[in-house]
Amino acid sequence: MTTNKFKRILVINGHPDPNSYNQALAQSYLKELETHLSIQIKYLALHTLEFNPNLEYGYRKRTELESDLLLALEDIKWADHMVWIHPLWWLSLPALMKGFFDRAFLPGITFVHHSSDNTEGLLLGKTARIITTGGDLNKEIYNDVYKQSGLIQLKEGILEYCGVHVTDTTFIGPMNDLTANDRLWWLNEVKNYAIKDSQH
């Protein structure tokens, strides 16, 4: 965590469409944060980055990181708290978001393998909130039938593996059934999340 008086919050939008509801959620959160003077804010929209999402050689050979990935990693290392907003597609992350993790979250950057049973996360001390939207999936089926597959991937398989403590998770769905009033309610609810995150 930063030792100065300002908390640093980074909002990351993993949706490839700049006009998506995920974008609206991110902007609602950010707009509320702007009213809190003790918060420093950055916004990272993955669709604006230029990089090859394909880890061409696996971990056998390192591909040089593009400048956008290097800047994104600087933002992640800068942050005390991250808010990851993304849709759930095929019970997983969008290809853009998965490619971002494949390319940027590398050994020596976000984690270190000391031995086969000992991995150290290099993002220790950071916290995160995860907000997920599902098109035709409701929360009960996602939890009971699919065992929160996408959440486990992001929360446990990526963020916590790299040392980040996930404080809260939210699933919004099915998006296809939400009315205009429902969508407005969620935009207001996200503002409440921003208030909560600003106080911790």
N, C-alpha and C. Protein backbone atom coordinates (compact mmCIF):
# COMPACT_ATOMS: atom_id res chain seq x y z
N MET A 1 0.85 -1.20 0.00
CA MET A 1 0.00 0.00 0.00
C MET A 1 0.88 1.25 0.00
N THR A 2 0.38 2.31 -0.60
CA THR A 2 1.13 3.55 -0.62
C THR A 2 1.22 4.16 0.77
N THR A 3 2.33 4.86 1.05
CA THR A 3 2.52 5.45 2.37
C THR A 3 2.06 6.90 2.42
N ASN A 4 1.65 7.48 1.26
CA ASN A 4 1.16 8.85 1.33
C ASN A 4 -0.31 8.85 1.73
N LYS A 5 -0.88 10.05 1.84
CA LYS A 5 -2.24 10.16 2.38
C LYS A 5 -3.31 9.85 1.34
N PHE A 6 -2.92 9.71 0.08
CA PHE A 6 -3.89 9.48 -0.98
C PHE A 6 -3.98 7.99 -1.34
N LYS A 7 -5.19 7.48 -1.35
CA LYS A 7 -5.39 6.11 -1.81
C LYS A 7 -5.44 6.11 -3.33
N ARG A 8 -4.80 5.14 -3.93
CA ARG A 8 -4.71 5.06 -5.38
C ARG A 8 -5.62 3.94 -5.90
N ILE A 9 -6.59 4.30 -6.72
CA ILE A 9 -7.54 3.32 -7.25
C ILE A 9 -7.47 3.30 -8.78
N LEU A 10 -7.31 2.10 -9.31
CA LEU A 10 -7.25 1.89 -10.75
C LEU A 10 -8.48 1.09 -11.18
N VAL A 11 -9.25 1.63 -12.11
CA VAL A 11 -10.42 0.95 -12.66
C VAL A 11 -10.04 0.38 -14.02
N ILE A 12 -10.25 -0.93 -14.20
CA ILE A 12 -9.88 -1.62 -15.44
C ILE A 12 -11.14 -2.19 -16.09
N ASN A 13 -11.38 -1.78 -17.33
CA ASN A 13 -12.52 -2.28 -18.10
C ASN A 13 -12.01 -3.30 -19.11
N GLY A 14 -12.46 -4.56 -18.99
CA GLY A 14 -12.01 -5.62 -19.87
C GLY A 14 -12.89 -5.86 -21.08
N HIS A 15 -13.92 -5.04 -21.28
CA HIS A 15 -14.82 -5.23 -22.42
C HIS A 15 -14.22 -4.61 -23.68
N PRO A 16 -14.23 -5.31 -24.82
CA PRO A 16 -13.64 -4.75 -26.04
C PRO A 16 -14.47 -3.65 -26.71
N ASP A 17 -15.73 -3.49 -26.32
CA ASP A 17 -16.61 -2.50 -26.94
C ASP A 17 -16.63 -1.22 -26.10
N PRO A 18 -16.18 -0.09 -26.66
CA PRO A 18 -16.16 1.16 -25.89
C PRO A 18 -17.54 1.69 -25.54
N ASN A 19 -18.59 1.16 -26.18
CA ASN A 19 -19.95 1.61 -25.90
C ASN A 19 -20.75 0.58 -25.10
N SER A 20 -20.08 -0.31 -24.43
CA SER A 20 -20.75 -1.37 -23.68
C SER A 20 -21.29 -0.87 -22.35
N TYR A 21 -22.14 -1.70 -21.74
CA TYR A 21 -22.65 -1.39 -20.40
C TYR A 21 -21.51 -1.45 -19.38
N ASN A 22 -20.51 -2.27 -19.64
CA ASN A 22 -19.33 -2.30 -18.78
C ASN A 22 -18.66 -0.93 -18.72
N GLN A 23 -18.63 -0.25 -19.86
CA GLN A 23 -18.09 1.11 -19.89
C GLN A 23 -18.93 2.04 -19.03
N ALA A 24 -20.25 1.90 -19.09
CA ALA A 24 -21.14 2.73 -18.27
C ALA A 24 -20.91 2.46 -16.79
N LEU A 25 -20.72 1.21 -16.42
CA LEU A 25 -20.44 0.86 -15.03
C LEU A 25 -19.13 1.51 -14.58
N ALA A 26 -18.11 1.41 -15.41
CA ALA A 26 -16.81 2.00 -15.07
C ALA A 26 -16.92 3.50 -14.88
N GLN A 27 -17.64 4.16 -15.78
CA GLN A 27 -17.76 5.61 -15.70
C GLN A 27 -18.57 6.04 -14.47
N SER A 28 -19.57 5.25 -14.11
CA SER A 28 -20.37 5.56 -12.92
C SER A 28 -19.49 5.47 -11.67
N TYR A 29 -18.68 4.45 -11.59
CA TYR A 29 -17.76 4.28 -10.47
C TYR A 29 -16.77 5.44 -10.41
N LEU A 30 -16.18 5.75 -11.57
CA LEU A 30 -15.18 6.81 -11.64
C LEU A 30 -15.77 8.17 -11.28
N LYS A 31 -16.96 8.45 -11.75
CA LYS A 31 -17.60 9.74 -11.49
C LYS A 31 -17.81 9.95 -9.99
N GLU A 32 -18.20 8.87 -9.30
CA GLU A 32 -18.37 8.98 -7.85
C GLU A 32 -17.03 9.20 -7.17
N LEU A 33 -16.00 8.50 -7.62
CA LEU A 33 -14.68 8.65 -7.00
C LEU A 33 -14.15 10.07 -7.12
N GLU A 34 -14.51 10.74 -8.22
CA GLU A 34 -14.00 12.09 -8.45
C GLU A 34 -14.45 13.08 -7.38
N THR A 35 -15.48 12.72 -6.62
CA THR A 35 -15.97 13.61 -5.55
C THR A 35 -15.19 13.40 -4.25
N HIS A 36 -14.31 12.41 -4.22
CA HIS A 36 -13.54 12.11 -3.00
C HIS A 36 -12.12 12.62 -3.19
N LEU A 37 -11.78 13.70 -2.52
CA LEU A 37 -10.51 14.37 -2.75
C LEU A 37 -9.31 13.59 -2.23
N SER A 38 -9.55 12.60 -1.38
CA SER A 38 -8.43 11.82 -0.83
C SER A 38 -8.06 10.65 -1.72
N ILE A 39 -8.66 10.57 -2.91
CA ILE A 39 -8.43 9.44 -3.82
C ILE A 39 -7.71 9.91 -5.08
N GLN A 40 -6.70 9.16 -5.47
CA GLN A 40 -6.07 9.34 -6.78
C GLN A 40 -6.63 8.26 -7.70
N ILE A 41 -6.99 8.63 -8.92
CA ILE A 41 -7.74 7.74 -9.80
C ILE A 41 -7.03 7.59 -11.15
N LYS A 42 -7.04 6.36 -11.66
CA LYS A 42 -6.64 6.10 -13.04
C LYS A 42 -7.63 5.13 -13.65
N TYR A 43 -7.78 5.24 -14.97
CA TYR A 43 -8.70 4.37 -15.71
C TYR A 43 -7.94 3.67 -16.82
N LEU A 44 -8.10 2.35 -16.89
CA LEU A 44 -7.44 1.54 -17.90
C LEU A 44 -8.50 0.76 -18.68
N ALA A 45 -8.75 1.17 -19.92
CA ALA A 45 -9.68 0.46 -20.80
C ALA A 45 -8.86 -0.42 -21.73
N LEU A 46 -8.98 -1.71 -21.58
CA LEU A 46 -8.11 -2.62 -22.34
C LEU A 46 -8.31 -2.49 -23.84
N HIS A 47 -9.51 -2.07 -24.27
CA HIS A 47 -9.75 -1.95 -25.71
C HIS A 47 -8.93 -0.83 -26.36
N THR A 48 -8.37 0.05 -25.55
CA THR A 48 -7.57 1.15 -26.11
C THR A 48 -6.10 0.76 -26.28
N LEU A 49 -5.71 -0.39 -25.76
CA LEU A 49 -4.30 -0.79 -25.81
C LEU A 49 -3.98 -1.47 -27.14
N GLU A 50 -2.78 -1.24 -27.62
CA GLU A 50 -2.30 -1.91 -28.82
C GLU A 50 -1.24 -2.93 -28.42
N PHE A 51 -1.59 -4.21 -28.56
CA PHE A 51 -0.65 -5.28 -28.23
C PHE A 51 -1.13 -6.58 -28.87
N ASN A 52 -0.22 -7.49 -29.05
CA ASN A 52 -0.55 -8.82 -29.55
C ASN A 52 -1.01 -9.67 -28.37
N PRO A 53 -2.26 -10.11 -28.33
CA PRO A 53 -2.75 -10.87 -27.17
C PRO A 53 -2.27 -12.32 -27.13
N ASN A 54 -1.58 -12.75 -28.18
CA ASN A 54 -1.16 -14.14 -28.27
C ASN A 54 0.23 -14.34 -27.67
N LEU A 55 0.32 -15.20 -26.67
CA LEU A 55 1.61 -15.54 -26.07
C LEU A 55 2.28 -16.57 -26.99
N GLU A 56 2.91 -16.08 -28.03
CA GLU A 56 3.33 -16.91 -29.15
C GLU A 56 4.23 -18.08 -28.78
N TYR A 57 5.15 -17.88 -27.85
CA TYR A 57 6.11 -18.92 -27.51
C TYR A 57 5.86 -19.53 -26.13
N GLY A 58 4.67 -19.27 -25.58
CA GLY A 58 4.42 -19.73 -24.22
C GLY A 58 5.43 -19.09 -23.28
N TYR A 59 5.96 -19.88 -22.36
CA TYR A 59 6.97 -19.37 -21.44
C TYR A 59 8.38 -19.79 -21.85
N ARG A 60 8.50 -20.38 -23.02
CA ARG A 60 9.81 -20.82 -23.51
C ARG A 60 10.69 -19.64 -23.91
N LYS A 61 10.07 -18.63 -24.50
CA LYS A 61 10.80 -17.49 -25.01
C LYS A 61 9.99 -16.22 -24.75
N ARG A 62 10.62 -15.21 -24.19
CA ARG A 62 9.93 -13.98 -23.83
C ARG A 62 9.74 -13.10 -25.06
N THR A 63 8.50 -12.68 -25.29
CA THR A 63 8.19 -11.71 -26.33
C THR A 63 8.28 -10.31 -25.72
N GLU A 64 8.95 -9.40 -26.39
CA GLU A 64 9.11 -8.06 -25.85
C GLU A 64 7.76 -7.40 -25.64
N LEU A 65 7.58 -6.80 -24.49
CA LEU A 65 6.31 -6.16 -24.15
C LEU A 65 6.14 -4.85 -24.91
N GLU A 66 4.96 -4.68 -25.50
CA GLU A 66 4.65 -3.43 -26.17
C GLU A 66 4.54 -2.29 -25.15
N SER A 67 4.70 -1.06 -25.64
CA SER A 67 4.70 0.09 -24.74
C SER A 67 3.39 0.22 -23.97
N ASP A 68 2.26 -0.13 -24.60
CA ASP A 68 0.97 -0.05 -23.91
C ASP A 68 0.90 -1.03 -22.74
N LEU A 69 1.48 -2.21 -22.91
CA LEU A 69 1.50 -3.17 -21.81
C LEU A 69 2.40 -2.70 -20.68
N LEU A 70 3.53 -2.12 -21.02
CA LEU A 70 4.43 -1.60 -19.99
C LEU A 70 3.76 -0.49 -19.18
N LEU A 71 3.03 0.39 -19.87
CA LEU A 71 2.33 1.47 -19.17
C LEU A 71 1.21 0.91 -18.29
N ALA A 72 0.50 -0.11 -18.81
CA ALA A 72 -0.57 -0.73 -18.02
C ALA A 72 -0.01 -1.37 -16.76
N LEU A 73 1.13 -2.02 -16.88
CA LEU A 73 1.76 -2.64 -15.71
C LEU A 73 2.20 -1.58 -14.70
N GLU A 74 2.65 -0.45 -15.19
CA GLU A 74 3.00 0.65 -14.28
C GLU A 74 1.78 1.11 -13.50
N ASP A 75 0.63 1.19 -14.17
CA ASP A 75 -0.61 1.59 -13.50
C ASP A 75 -1.01 0.56 -12.44
N ILE A 76 -0.88 -0.72 -12.77
CA ILE A 76 -1.24 -1.78 -11.82
C ILE A 76 -0.32 -1.74 -10.61
N LYS A 77 0.96 -1.52 -10.83
CA LYS A 77 1.90 -1.45 -9.71
C LYS A 77 1.69 -0.17 -8.89
N TRP A 78 1.20 0.87 -9.54
CA TRP A 78 0.91 2.15 -8.86
C TRP A 78 -0.27 2.02 -7.92
N ALA A 79 -1.24 1.20 -8.29
CA ALA A 79 -2.52 1.15 -7.58
C ALA A 79 -2.43 0.47 -6.22
N ASP A 80 -3.21 0.98 -5.27
CA ASP A 80 -3.46 0.28 -4.01
C ASP A 80 -4.64 -0.68 -4.18
N HIS A 81 -5.64 -0.21 -4.94
CA HIS A 81 -6.88 -0.97 -5.11
C HIS A 81 -7.26 -0.95 -6.59
N MET A 82 -7.67 -2.11 -7.10
CA MET A 82 -8.10 -2.23 -8.49
C MET A 82 -9.56 -2.65 -8.56
N VAL A 83 -10.25 -2.17 -9.58
CA VAL A 83 -11.63 -2.57 -9.84
C VAL A 83 -11.66 -3.16 -11.24
N TRP A 84 -11.86 -4.47 -11.33
CA TRP A 84 -11.89 -5.17 -12.62
C TRP A 84 -13.35 -5.34 -13.04
N ILE A 85 -13.70 -4.79 -14.21
CA ILE A 85 -15.06 -4.87 -14.73
C ILE A 85 -15.00 -5.61 -16.06
N HIS A 86 -15.79 -6.68 -16.19
CA HIS A 86 -15.72 -7.45 -17.44
C HIS A 86 -16.99 -8.26 -17.66
N PRO A 87 -17.28 -8.60 -18.91
CA PRO A 87 -18.40 -9.50 -19.20
C PRO A 87 -17.95 -10.95 -19.07
N LEU A 88 -18.91 -11.82 -18.88
CA LEU A 88 -18.64 -13.26 -18.85
C LEU A 88 -19.07 -13.84 -20.19
N TRP A 89 -18.10 -14.34 -20.95
CA TRP A 89 -18.38 -14.94 -22.25
C TRP A 89 -17.89 -16.38 -22.24
N TRP A 90 -18.77 -17.31 -22.60
CA TRP A 90 -18.42 -18.74 -22.56
C TRP A 90 -17.84 -19.12 -21.20
N LEU A 91 -18.47 -18.55 -20.14
CA LEU A 91 -18.11 -18.85 -18.75
C LEU A 91 -16.68 -18.45 -18.42
N SER A 92 -16.15 -17.47 -19.15
CA SER A 92 -14.76 -17.08 -18.94
C SER A 92 -14.59 -15.60 -19.27
N LEU A 93 -13.36 -15.17 -19.32
CA LEU A 93 -13.02 -13.79 -19.64
C LEU A 93 -13.04 -13.57 -21.15
N PRO A 94 -13.30 -12.34 -21.60
CA PRO A 94 -13.16 -12.04 -23.02
C PRO A 94 -11.73 -12.31 -23.49
N ALA A 95 -11.57 -12.63 -24.77
CA ALA A 95 -10.25 -12.94 -25.31
C ALA A 95 -9.27 -11.78 -25.09
N LEU A 96 -9.76 -10.54 -25.21
CA LEU A 96 -8.91 -9.38 -25.00
C LEU A 96 -8.32 -9.38 -23.60
N MET A 97 -9.15 -9.67 -22.62
CA MET A 97 -8.72 -9.65 -21.23
C MET A 97 -7.78 -10.81 -20.93
N LYS A 98 -8.12 -11.99 -21.44
CA LYS A 98 -7.26 -13.15 -21.25
C LYS A 98 -5.91 -12.92 -21.91
N GLY A 99 -5.91 -12.33 -23.12
CA GLY A 99 -4.66 -12.03 -23.79
C GLY A 99 -3.81 -11.03 -23.02
N PHE A 100 -4.49 -10.07 -22.37
CA PHE A 100 -3.76 -9.10 -21.55
C PHE A 100 -3.02 -9.81 -20.42
N PHE A 101 -3.70 -10.70 -19.73
CA PHE A 101 -3.05 -11.43 -18.65
C PHE A 101 -1.94 -12.34 -19.18
N ASP A 102 -2.20 -13.03 -20.30
CA ASP A 102 -1.20 -13.92 -20.87
C ASP A 102 0.09 -13.16 -21.18
N ARG A 103 -0.05 -11.96 -21.72
CA ARG A 103 1.12 -11.21 -22.17
C ARG A 103 1.79 -10.41 -21.06
N ALA A 104 0.99 -9.86 -20.14
CA ALA A 104 1.54 -8.91 -19.17
C ALA A 104 1.86 -9.52 -17.81
N PHE A 105 1.07 -10.49 -17.37
CA PHE A 105 1.27 -11.07 -16.04
C PHE A 105 2.24 -12.24 -16.16
N LEU A 106 3.52 -11.90 -16.20
CA LEU A 106 4.57 -12.87 -16.49
C LEU A 106 5.46 -13.13 -15.28
N PRO A 107 6.18 -14.26 -15.30
CA PRO A 107 7.15 -14.53 -14.23
C PRO A 107 8.16 -13.39 -14.12
N GLY A 108 8.42 -12.98 -12.90
CA GLY A 108 9.35 -11.88 -12.67
C GLY A 108 8.69 -10.52 -12.72
N ILE A 109 7.43 -10.47 -13.18
CA ILE A 109 6.69 -9.21 -13.25
C ILE A 109 5.56 -9.16 -12.22
N THR A 110 4.72 -10.21 -12.20
CA THR A 110 3.63 -10.25 -11.22
C THR A 110 3.73 -11.45 -10.28
N PHE A 111 4.64 -12.37 -10.57
CA PHE A 111 4.86 -13.51 -9.68
C PHE A 111 6.24 -14.09 -9.94
N VAL A 112 6.70 -14.89 -8.97
CA VAL A 112 8.00 -15.57 -9.10
C VAL A 112 7.84 -17.00 -8.62
N HIS A 113 8.33 -17.94 -9.42
CA HIS A 113 8.37 -19.35 -9.00
C HIS A 113 9.69 -19.59 -8.27
N HIS A 114 9.62 -19.95 -7.00
CA HIS A 114 10.82 -20.32 -6.26
C HIS A 114 11.08 -21.82 -6.37
N SER A 115 10.00 -22.59 -6.44
CA SER A 115 10.11 -24.04 -6.62
C SER A 115 8.77 -24.53 -7.14
N SER A 116 8.65 -25.83 -7.36
CA SER A 116 7.41 -26.38 -7.93
C SER A 116 6.21 -26.16 -7.02
N ASP A 117 6.43 -26.02 -5.71
CA ASP A 117 5.32 -25.83 -4.78
C ASP A 117 5.41 -24.51 -4.01
N ASN A 118 6.18 -23.56 -4.55
CA ASN A 118 6.37 -22.29 -3.86
C ASN A 118 6.41 -21.15 -4.88
N THR A 119 5.29 -20.43 -4.98
CA THR A 119 5.20 -19.27 -5.87
C THR A 119 4.91 -18.03 -5.05
N GLU A 120 5.63 -16.96 -5.34
CA GLU A 120 5.47 -15.70 -4.62
C GLU A 120 4.76 -14.69 -5.51
N GLY A 121 3.65 -14.13 -5.03
CA GLY A 121 2.99 -13.06 -5.77
C GLY A 121 3.72 -11.76 -5.56
N LEU A 122 3.91 -11.01 -6.62
CA LEU A 122 4.64 -9.74 -6.54
C LEU A 122 3.72 -8.54 -6.42
N LEU A 123 2.41 -8.78 -6.32
CA LEU A 123 1.44 -7.69 -6.15
C LEU A 123 0.86 -7.69 -4.74
N LEU A 124 1.61 -8.20 -3.79
CA LEU A 124 1.17 -8.24 -2.39
C LEU A 124 0.90 -6.84 -1.87
N GLY A 125 -0.14 -6.74 -1.03
CA GLY A 125 -0.51 -5.46 -0.44
C GLY A 125 -1.59 -4.74 -1.21
N LYS A 126 -1.90 -5.23 -2.40
CA LYS A 126 -2.95 -4.62 -3.22
C LYS A 126 -4.26 -5.35 -3.01
N THR A 127 -5.35 -4.63 -3.17
CA THR A 127 -6.69 -5.22 -3.08
C THR A 127 -7.42 -5.02 -4.41
N ALA A 128 -8.51 -5.76 -4.56
CA ALA A 128 -9.28 -5.66 -5.81
C ALA A 128 -10.74 -5.95 -5.58
N ARG A 129 -11.55 -5.36 -6.41
CA ARG A 129 -12.98 -5.64 -6.51
C ARG A 129 -13.22 -6.17 -7.93
N ILE A 130 -14.11 -7.16 -8.07
CA ILE A 130 -14.44 -7.72 -9.37
C ILE A 130 -15.93 -7.53 -9.64
N ILE A 131 -16.27 -6.92 -10.77
CA ILE A 131 -17.66 -6.75 -11.20
C ILE A 131 -17.83 -7.46 -12.54
N THR A 132 -18.72 -8.46 -12.57
CA THR A 132 -18.91 -9.28 -13.76
C THR A 132 -20.34 -9.16 -14.26
N THR A 133 -20.50 -9.04 -15.59
CA THR A 133 -21.84 -9.04 -16.18
C THR A 133 -22.03 -10.32 -17.00
N GLY A 134 -23.24 -10.87 -16.94
CA GLY A 134 -23.56 -12.07 -17.70
C GLY A 134 -24.78 -11.84 -18.59
N GLY A 135 -24.66 -12.15 -19.87
CA GLY A 135 -25.73 -11.86 -20.82
C GLY A 135 -27.02 -12.61 -20.58
N ASP A 136 -26.96 -13.95 -20.59
CA ASP A 136 -28.19 -14.74 -20.41
C ASP A 136 -28.09 -15.68 -19.22
N LEU A 137 -27.22 -15.35 -18.28
CA LEU A 137 -26.96 -16.22 -17.14
C LEU A 137 -27.36 -15.52 -15.85
N ASN A 138 -28.10 -16.22 -14.99
CA ASN A 138 -28.42 -15.61 -13.69
C ASN A 138 -27.43 -16.10 -12.64
N LYS A 139 -27.42 -15.39 -11.54
CA LYS A 139 -26.41 -15.62 -10.50
C LYS A 139 -26.51 -17.03 -9.91
N GLU A 140 -27.72 -17.52 -9.71
CA GLU A 140 -27.90 -18.83 -9.09
C GLU A 140 -27.31 -19.94 -9.95
N ILE A 141 -27.60 -19.91 -11.25
CA ILE A 141 -27.06 -20.94 -12.14
C ILE A 141 -25.55 -20.81 -12.24
N TYR A 142 -25.06 -19.58 -12.31
CA TYR A 142 -23.62 -19.35 -12.37
C TYR A 142 -22.92 -19.94 -11.14
N ASN A 143 -23.53 -19.73 -9.96
CA ASN A 143 -22.93 -20.23 -8.72
C ASN A 143 -23.08 -21.74 -8.57
N ASP A 144 -24.30 -22.23 -8.78
CA ASP A 144 -24.60 -23.62 -8.44
C ASP A 144 -24.21 -24.62 -9.53
N VAL A 145 -24.44 -24.25 -10.78
CA VAL A 145 -24.17 -25.18 -11.88
C VAL A 145 -22.75 -25.03 -12.41
N TYR A 146 -22.34 -23.79 -12.64
CA TYR A 146 -21.03 -23.55 -13.26
C TYR A 146 -19.95 -23.19 -12.25
N LYS A 147 -20.30 -23.18 -10.97
CA LYS A 147 -19.33 -23.04 -9.88
C LYS A 147 -18.46 -21.78 -10.02
N GLN A 148 -19.06 -20.71 -10.54
CA GLN A 148 -18.38 -19.42 -10.66
C GLN A 148 -17.07 -19.54 -11.45
N SER A 149 -17.13 -20.25 -12.56
CA SER A 149 -15.92 -20.57 -13.32
C SER A 149 -15.07 -19.34 -13.68
N GLY A 150 -15.72 -18.31 -14.22
CA GLY A 150 -14.97 -17.13 -14.61
C GLY A 150 -14.40 -16.39 -13.42
N LEU A 151 -15.16 -16.35 -12.33
CA LEU A 151 -14.68 -15.69 -11.12
C LEU A 151 -13.48 -16.41 -10.54
N ILE A 152 -13.53 -17.73 -10.50
CA ILE A 152 -12.40 -18.50 -9.98
C ILE A 152 -11.15 -18.24 -10.80
N GLN A 153 -11.33 -18.19 -12.13
CA GLN A 153 -10.19 -17.93 -13.00
C GLN A 153 -9.52 -16.60 -12.68
N LEU A 154 -10.33 -15.53 -12.58
CA LEU A 154 -9.77 -14.21 -12.33
C LEU A 154 -9.34 -14.03 -10.88
N LYS A 155 -10.21 -14.41 -9.94
CA LYS A 155 -9.94 -14.16 -8.52
C LYS A 155 -8.80 -15.03 -8.00
N GLU A 156 -8.94 -16.35 -8.18
CA GLU A 156 -7.97 -17.26 -7.59
C GLU A 156 -6.80 -17.57 -8.52
N GLY A 157 -7.13 -17.80 -9.79
CA GLY A 157 -6.09 -18.24 -10.72
C GLY A 157 -5.16 -17.14 -11.18
N ILE A 158 -5.61 -15.88 -11.07
CA ILE A 158 -4.77 -14.78 -11.54
C ILE A 158 -4.44 -13.80 -10.42
N LEU A 159 -5.45 -13.10 -9.90
CA LEU A 159 -5.18 -12.02 -8.95
C LEU A 159 -4.59 -12.53 -7.64
N GLU A 160 -5.25 -13.48 -7.00
CA GLU A 160 -4.73 -13.97 -5.72
C GLU A 160 -3.41 -14.72 -5.91
N TYR A 161 -3.25 -15.38 -7.03
CA TYR A 161 -1.99 -16.06 -7.35
C TYR A 161 -0.84 -15.06 -7.38
N CYS A 162 -1.14 -13.83 -7.81
CA CYS A 162 -0.12 -12.79 -7.90
C CYS A 162 -0.05 -11.92 -6.65
N GLY A 163 -0.80 -12.30 -5.60
CA GLY A 163 -0.69 -11.63 -4.32
C GLY A 163 -1.77 -10.62 -4.00
N VAL A 164 -2.72 -10.42 -4.92
CA VAL A 164 -3.78 -9.43 -4.70
C VAL A 164 -4.89 -10.02 -3.83
N HIS A 165 -5.35 -9.27 -2.85
CA HIS A 165 -6.46 -9.70 -2.01
C HIS A 165 -7.76 -9.16 -2.59
N VAL A 166 -8.65 -10.06 -3.02
CA VAL A 166 -9.94 -9.66 -3.58
C VAL A 166 -10.93 -9.45 -2.45
N THR A 167 -11.41 -8.22 -2.31
CA THR A 167 -12.26 -7.86 -1.17
C THR A 167 -13.74 -8.08 -1.45
N ASP A 168 -14.17 -7.86 -2.69
CA ASP A 168 -15.59 -7.98 -3.03
C ASP A 168 -15.76 -8.44 -4.47
N THR A 169 -16.84 -9.21 -4.71
CA THR A 169 -17.18 -9.61 -6.08
C THR A 169 -18.67 -9.41 -6.29
N THR A 170 -19.04 -9.03 -7.52
CA THR A 170 -20.44 -8.78 -7.86
C THR A 170 -20.73 -9.41 -9.22
N PHE A 171 -21.86 -10.12 -9.32
CA PHE A 171 -22.31 -10.65 -10.60
C PHE A 171 -23.62 -9.97 -10.97
N ILE A 172 -23.67 -9.38 -12.17
CA ILE A 172 -24.87 -8.70 -12.66
C ILE A 172 -25.43 -9.48 -13.85
N GLY A 173 -26.61 -10.04 -13.69
CA GLY A 173 -27.18 -10.79 -14.80
C GLY A 173 -28.50 -11.45 -14.40
N PRO A 174 -29.25 -11.93 -15.41
CA PRO A 174 -28.89 -11.87 -16.84
C PRO A 174 -29.12 -10.49 -17.43
N MET A 175 -28.11 -9.97 -18.09
CA MET A 175 -28.20 -8.64 -18.69
C MET A 175 -29.33 -8.56 -19.71
N ASN A 176 -29.58 -9.66 -20.42
CA ASN A 176 -30.61 -9.66 -21.46
C ASN A 176 -32.01 -9.41 -20.90
N ASP A 177 -32.20 -9.64 -19.61
CA ASP A 177 -33.51 -9.47 -18.99
C ASP A 177 -33.64 -8.18 -18.19
N LEU A 178 -32.57 -7.41 -18.09
CA LEU A 178 -32.62 -6.19 -17.28
C LEU A 178 -33.38 -5.09 -18.00
N THR A 179 -34.24 -4.43 -17.28
CA THR A 179 -34.95 -3.27 -17.83
C THR A 179 -34.05 -2.04 -17.73
N ALA A 180 -34.50 -0.96 -18.33
CA ALA A 180 -33.76 0.30 -18.23
C ALA A 180 -33.62 0.73 -16.77
N ASN A 181 -34.67 0.51 -15.98
CA ASN A 181 -34.61 0.85 -14.55
C ASN A 181 -33.63 -0.04 -13.80
N ASP A 182 -33.59 -1.33 -14.19
CA ASP A 182 -32.63 -2.25 -13.58
C ASP A 182 -31.20 -1.78 -13.84
N ARG A 183 -30.96 -1.41 -15.07
CA ARG A 183 -29.60 -0.95 -15.43
C ARG A 183 -29.23 0.32 -14.68
N LEU A 184 -30.19 1.21 -14.54
CA LEU A 184 -29.94 2.43 -13.78
C LEU A 184 -29.67 2.12 -12.32
N TRP A 185 -30.40 1.14 -11.78
CA TRP A 185 -30.19 0.75 -10.38
C TRP A 185 -28.76 0.26 -10.17
N TRP A 186 -28.26 -0.54 -11.10
CA TRP A 186 -26.90 -1.06 -10.98
C TRP A 186 -25.87 0.06 -11.11
N LEU A 187 -26.13 1.02 -11.98
CA LEU A 187 -25.19 2.14 -12.09
C LEU A 187 -25.11 2.91 -10.78
N ASN A 188 -26.23 3.05 -10.11
CA ASN A 188 -26.23 3.71 -8.80
C ASN A 188 -25.58 2.84 -7.74
N GLU A 189 -25.78 1.53 -7.84
CA GLU A 189 -25.16 0.61 -6.88
C GLU A 189 -23.64 0.66 -6.98
N VAL A 190 -23.14 0.77 -8.20
CA VAL A 190 -21.70 0.86 -8.40
C VAL A 190 -21.13 2.12 -7.75
N LYS A 191 -21.92 3.18 -7.73
CA LYS A 191 -21.49 4.39 -7.01
C LYS A 191 -21.31 4.10 -5.53
N ASN A 192 -22.19 3.27 -4.98
CA ASN A 192 -22.04 2.88 -3.57
C ASN A 192 -20.76 2.08 -3.35
N TYR A 193 -20.40 1.24 -4.33
CA TYR A 193 -19.14 0.50 -4.23
C TYR A 193 -17.96 1.48 -4.19
N ALA A 194 -18.04 2.52 -5.00
CA ALA A 194 -16.96 3.52 -5.02
C ALA A 194 -16.82 4.21 -3.67
N ILE A 195 -17.96 4.53 -3.07
CA ILE A 195 -17.92 5.15 -1.74
C ILE A 195 -17.28 4.21 -0.72
N LYS A 196 -17.67 2.95 -0.77
CA LYS A 196 -17.11 1.96 0.16
C LYS A 196 -15.60 1.81 -0.05
N ASP A 197 -15.18 1.70 -1.31
CA ASP A 197 -13.77 1.50 -1.59
C ASP A 197 -12.94 2.72 -1.19
N SER A 198 -13.53 3.90 -1.26
CA SER A 198 -12.80 5.12 -0.91
C SER A 198 -12.55 5.22 0.59
N GLN A 199 -13.33 4.46 1.38
CA GLN A 199 -13.25 4.57 2.84
C GLN A 199 -12.40 3.48 3.47
N HIS A 200 -11.87 2.57 2.67
CA HIS A 200 -11.09 1.47 3.22
C HIS A 200 -9.68 1.47 2.66
